Amino acid sequence: MKPVGKYIIIKTITEDIKTSSGLLLSQSDVEDFRYKKGVVIKPGTDVTVIKEGEEIYYDKNSGHTMMIEDSSCTIIQERDVVIVL
């Protein structure tokens, strides 16, 4: 599997988000956030800044999800990445 151009294959990370007082937010509250967290499975051939295995935040409205090797993966473009951790 090798993405071409500026595409990136990622695995979405689901995380429990707590408030400053320690309360867990419900899933509907978490869905209101604009960005999601993911880990890069494979960067495309023209992606130079983002490396395999890095954690990123990306726009939740970008890309599409598909099954690759019996696993659900999301395909986004490099421009949709806002933070590399």
N, C-alpha and C. Protein backbone atom coordinates (compact mmCIF):
# COMPACT_ATOMS: atom_id res chain seq x y z
N MET A 1 0.85 -1.16 0.00
CA MET A 1 0.00 0.00 0.00
C MET A 1 0.90 1.23 0.00
N LYS A 2 0.69 2.10 -0.96
CA LYS A 2 1.50 3.30 -1.06
C LYS A 2 0.64 4.45 -1.57
N PRO A 3 0.31 5.41 -0.70
CA PRO A 3 -0.47 6.55 -1.17
C PRO A 3 0.37 7.43 -2.09
N VAL A 4 -0.26 8.04 -3.07
CA VAL A 4 0.46 8.88 -4.02
C VAL A 4 0.18 10.35 -3.75
N GLY A 5 1.10 11.18 -4.19
CA GLY A 5 0.94 12.62 -4.07
C GLY A 5 0.93 13.10 -2.63
N LYS A 6 0.01 13.99 -2.33
CA LYS A 6 -0.08 14.63 -1.02
C LYS A 6 -1.07 13.94 -0.08
N TYR A 7 -1.46 12.70 -0.40
CA TYR A 7 -2.40 11.97 0.46
C TYR A 7 -1.68 11.26 1.59
N ILE A 8 -2.38 11.10 2.71
CA ILE A 8 -1.83 10.46 3.91
C ILE A 8 -2.86 9.46 4.41
N ILE A 9 -2.42 8.25 4.73
CA ILE A 9 -3.28 7.25 5.34
C ILE A 9 -3.08 7.33 6.85
N ILE A 10 -4.18 7.50 7.58
CA ILE A 10 -4.09 7.61 9.04
C ILE A 10 -5.06 6.67 9.71
N LYS A 11 -4.80 6.40 10.97
CA LYS A 11 -5.70 5.64 11.84
C LYS A 11 -6.19 6.63 12.89
N THR A 12 -7.49 6.82 12.97
CA THR A 12 -8.07 7.75 13.94
C THR A 12 -7.90 7.23 15.35
N ILE A 13 -7.53 8.11 16.27
CA ILE A 13 -7.37 7.78 17.67
C ILE A 13 -8.59 8.31 18.42
N THR A 14 -9.28 7.42 19.12
CA THR A 14 -10.38 7.87 19.97
C THR A 14 -9.83 8.06 21.36
N GLU A 15 -10.09 9.21 21.91
CA GLU A 15 -9.54 9.52 23.22
C GLU A 15 -10.64 10.05 24.13
N ASP A 16 -10.51 9.77 25.41
CA ASP A 16 -11.42 10.32 26.41
C ASP A 16 -10.95 11.72 26.75
N ILE A 17 -11.86 12.67 26.62
CA ILE A 17 -11.51 14.06 26.88
C ILE A 17 -12.15 14.50 28.20
N LYS A 18 -11.30 15.01 29.09
CA LYS A 18 -11.76 15.46 30.40
C LYS A 18 -11.73 16.98 30.48
N THR A 19 -12.64 17.50 31.28
CA THR A 19 -12.63 18.93 31.56
C THR A 19 -11.56 19.21 32.60
N SER A 20 -11.31 20.48 32.89
CA SER A 20 -10.29 20.82 33.88
C SER A 20 -10.66 20.32 35.28
N SER A 21 -11.96 20.11 35.52
CA SER A 21 -12.39 19.59 36.83
C SER A 21 -12.39 18.07 36.88
N GLY A 22 -12.06 17.40 35.75
CA GLY A 22 -11.93 15.95 35.74
C GLY A 22 -13.14 15.20 35.21
N LEU A 23 -14.17 15.89 34.75
CA LEU A 23 -15.35 15.23 34.20
C LEU A 23 -15.08 14.78 32.77
N LEU A 24 -15.53 13.56 32.42
CA LEU A 24 -15.40 13.07 31.05
C LEU A 24 -16.51 13.68 30.20
N LEU A 25 -16.17 14.12 28.99
CA LEU A 25 -17.16 14.67 28.08
C LEU A 25 -17.87 13.53 27.35
N SER A 26 -19.14 13.74 27.04
CA SER A 26 -19.90 12.71 26.30
C SER A 26 -19.43 12.69 24.85
N GLN A 27 -19.77 11.61 24.13
CA GLN A 27 -19.36 11.47 22.74
C GLN A 27 -19.96 12.57 21.89
N SER A 28 -21.19 13.01 22.18
CA SER A 28 -21.80 14.09 21.40
C SER A 28 -21.07 15.41 21.60
N ASP A 29 -20.55 15.64 22.81
CA ASP A 29 -19.76 16.85 23.07
C ASP A 29 -18.42 16.79 22.33
N VAL A 30 -17.81 15.61 22.30
CA VAL A 30 -16.53 15.44 21.62
C VAL A 30 -16.69 15.67 20.12
N GLU A 31 -17.83 15.26 19.55
CA GLU A 31 -18.07 15.43 18.12
C GLU A 31 -18.19 16.89 17.72
N ASP A 32 -18.41 17.79 18.68
CA ASP A 32 -18.50 19.22 18.38
C ASP A 32 -17.13 19.83 18.10
N PHE A 33 -16.05 19.16 18.53
CA PHE A 33 -14.71 19.68 18.26
C PHE A 33 -14.42 19.60 16.77
N ARG A 34 -13.70 20.57 16.26
CA ARG A 34 -13.43 20.64 14.83
C ARG A 34 -12.33 19.67 14.40
N TYR A 35 -11.41 19.34 15.30
CA TYR A 35 -10.26 18.54 14.91
C TYR A 35 -10.26 17.18 15.60
N LYS A 36 -9.73 16.18 14.90
CA LYS A 36 -9.58 14.83 15.43
C LYS A 36 -8.10 14.49 15.51
N LYS A 37 -7.80 13.49 16.33
CA LYS A 37 -6.43 13.05 16.48
C LYS A 37 -6.24 11.73 15.73
N GLY A 38 -5.08 11.55 15.13
CA GLY A 38 -4.79 10.32 14.41
C GLY A 38 -3.30 10.04 14.39
N VAL A 39 -2.96 8.83 13.97
CA VAL A 39 -1.56 8.45 13.82
C VAL A 39 -1.34 8.11 12.34
N VAL A 40 -0.22 8.58 11.80
CA VAL A 40 0.09 8.40 10.38
C VAL A 40 0.54 6.96 10.15
N ILE A 41 -0.18 6.27 9.27
CA ILE A 41 0.20 4.91 8.89
C ILE A 41 1.19 4.97 7.73
N LYS A 42 0.87 5.80 6.72
CA LYS A 42 1.76 5.91 5.57
C LYS A 42 1.55 7.27 4.90
N PRO A 43 2.61 8.10 4.80
CA PRO A 43 2.49 9.37 4.07
C PRO A 43 2.64 9.13 2.56
N GLY A 44 2.09 10.03 1.77
CA GLY A 44 2.16 9.93 0.31
C GLY A 44 3.56 10.21 -0.23
N THR A 45 3.71 10.02 -1.53
CA THR A 45 5.01 10.15 -2.17
C THR A 45 5.52 11.59 -2.18
N ASP A 46 4.63 12.58 -2.14
CA ASP A 46 5.04 13.99 -2.17
C ASP A 46 4.98 14.67 -0.80
N VAL A 47 4.72 13.92 0.26
CA VAL A 47 4.64 14.48 1.61
C VAL A 47 6.04 14.45 2.22
N THR A 48 6.55 15.63 2.59
CA THR A 48 7.92 15.71 3.09
C THR A 48 8.02 16.01 4.59
N VAL A 49 7.03 16.66 5.16
CA VAL A 49 7.10 17.12 6.55
C VAL A 49 6.59 16.06 7.53
N ILE A 50 5.58 15.31 7.15
CA ILE A 50 4.93 14.36 8.05
C ILE A 50 5.50 12.97 7.81
N LYS A 51 5.89 12.31 8.89
CA LYS A 51 6.52 10.99 8.81
C LYS A 51 5.61 9.90 9.36
N GLU A 52 5.87 8.68 8.98
CA GLU A 52 5.13 7.51 9.45
C GLU A 52 5.25 7.38 10.97
N GLY A 53 4.13 7.11 11.64
CA GLY A 53 4.12 6.92 13.08
C GLY A 53 3.87 8.17 13.90
N GLU A 54 3.90 9.35 13.28
CA GLU A 54 3.66 10.60 14.02
C GLU A 54 2.17 10.76 14.32
N GLU A 55 1.88 11.39 15.45
CA GLU A 55 0.51 11.71 15.80
C GLU A 55 0.20 13.10 15.28
N ILE A 56 -1.02 13.27 14.75
CA ILE A 56 -1.42 14.54 14.15
C ILE A 56 -2.84 14.90 14.59
N TYR A 57 -3.18 16.17 14.44
CA TYR A 57 -4.55 16.63 14.52
C TYR A 57 -4.93 17.09 13.13
N TYR A 58 -6.14 16.69 12.68
CA TYR A 58 -6.59 17.02 11.33
C TYR A 58 -8.06 17.44 11.37
N ASP A 59 -8.49 18.14 10.33
CA ASP A 59 -9.86 18.62 10.22
C ASP A 59 -10.80 17.42 10.10
N LYS A 60 -11.79 17.32 10.99
CA LYS A 60 -12.66 16.15 11.01
C LYS A 60 -13.55 16.05 9.77
N ASN A 61 -13.75 17.14 9.04
CA ASN A 61 -14.59 17.13 7.85
C ASN A 61 -13.83 16.75 6.59
N SER A 62 -12.56 16.46 6.70
CA SER A 62 -11.75 16.17 5.52
C SER A 62 -11.61 14.67 5.31
N GLY A 63 -11.27 14.31 4.11
CA GLY A 63 -10.94 12.94 3.78
C GLY A 63 -12.12 11.99 3.74
N HIS A 64 -11.81 10.72 3.63
CA HIS A 64 -12.81 9.66 3.60
C HIS A 64 -12.23 8.41 4.26
N THR A 65 -13.13 7.55 4.72
CA THR A 65 -12.72 6.34 5.41
C THR A 65 -12.94 5.14 4.51
N MET A 66 -12.00 4.19 4.57
CA MET A 66 -12.13 2.97 3.79
C MET A 66 -11.45 1.82 4.52
N MET A 67 -11.77 0.61 4.11
CA MET A 67 -11.18 -0.59 4.70
C MET A 67 -9.90 -0.94 3.94
N ILE A 68 -8.78 -1.02 4.65
CA ILE A 68 -7.50 -1.42 4.08
C ILE A 68 -6.95 -2.54 4.95
N GLU A 69 -6.75 -3.71 4.35
CA GLU A 69 -6.22 -4.86 5.08
C GLU A 69 -7.02 -5.15 6.35
N ASP A 70 -8.33 -5.21 6.23
CA ASP A 70 -9.26 -5.52 7.33
C ASP A 70 -9.22 -4.51 8.47
N SER A 71 -8.79 -3.29 8.19
CA SER A 71 -8.74 -2.24 9.19
C SER A 71 -9.33 -0.96 8.60
N SER A 72 -10.07 -0.23 9.40
CA SER A 72 -10.66 1.03 8.95
C SER A 72 -9.60 2.14 9.01
N CYS A 73 -9.33 2.76 7.87
CA CYS A 73 -8.35 3.84 7.78
C CYS A 73 -8.98 5.07 7.15
N THR A 74 -8.43 6.22 7.45
CA THR A 74 -8.90 7.47 6.87
C THR A 74 -7.83 8.01 5.93
N ILE A 75 -8.26 8.49 4.77
CA ILE A 75 -7.35 9.07 3.78
C ILE A 75 -7.60 10.58 3.77
N ILE A 76 -6.56 11.35 4.08
CA ILE A 76 -6.67 12.82 4.07
C ILE A 76 -5.56 13.40 3.21
N GLN A 77 -5.66 14.68 2.95
CA GLN A 77 -4.59 15.37 2.23
C GLN A 77 -3.69 16.08 3.23
N GLU A 78 -2.47 16.33 2.83
CA GLU A 78 -1.49 16.97 3.71
C GLU A 78 -1.99 18.33 4.20
N ARG A 79 -2.72 19.05 3.38
CA ARG A 79 -3.20 20.39 3.75
C ARG A 79 -4.22 20.36 4.88
N ASP A 80 -4.82 19.19 5.16
CA ASP A 80 -5.82 19.07 6.23
C ASP A 80 -5.20 18.88 7.61
N VAL A 81 -3.89 18.65 7.67
CA VAL A 81 -3.19 18.48 8.94
C VAL A 81 -2.94 19.85 9.55
N VAL A 82 -3.29 20.03 10.82
CA VAL A 82 -3.09 21.33 11.47
C VAL A 82 -1.96 21.29 12.50
N ILE A 83 -1.72 20.11 13.12
CA ILE A 83 -0.67 20.00 14.13
C ILE A 83 -0.02 18.63 14.01
N VAL A 84 1.31 18.61 14.09
CA VAL A 84 2.07 17.37 14.19
C VAL A 84 2.67 17.33 15.59
N LEU A 85 2.37 16.26 16.33
CA LEU A 85 2.86 16.17 17.72
C LEU A 85 4.23 15.55 17.78
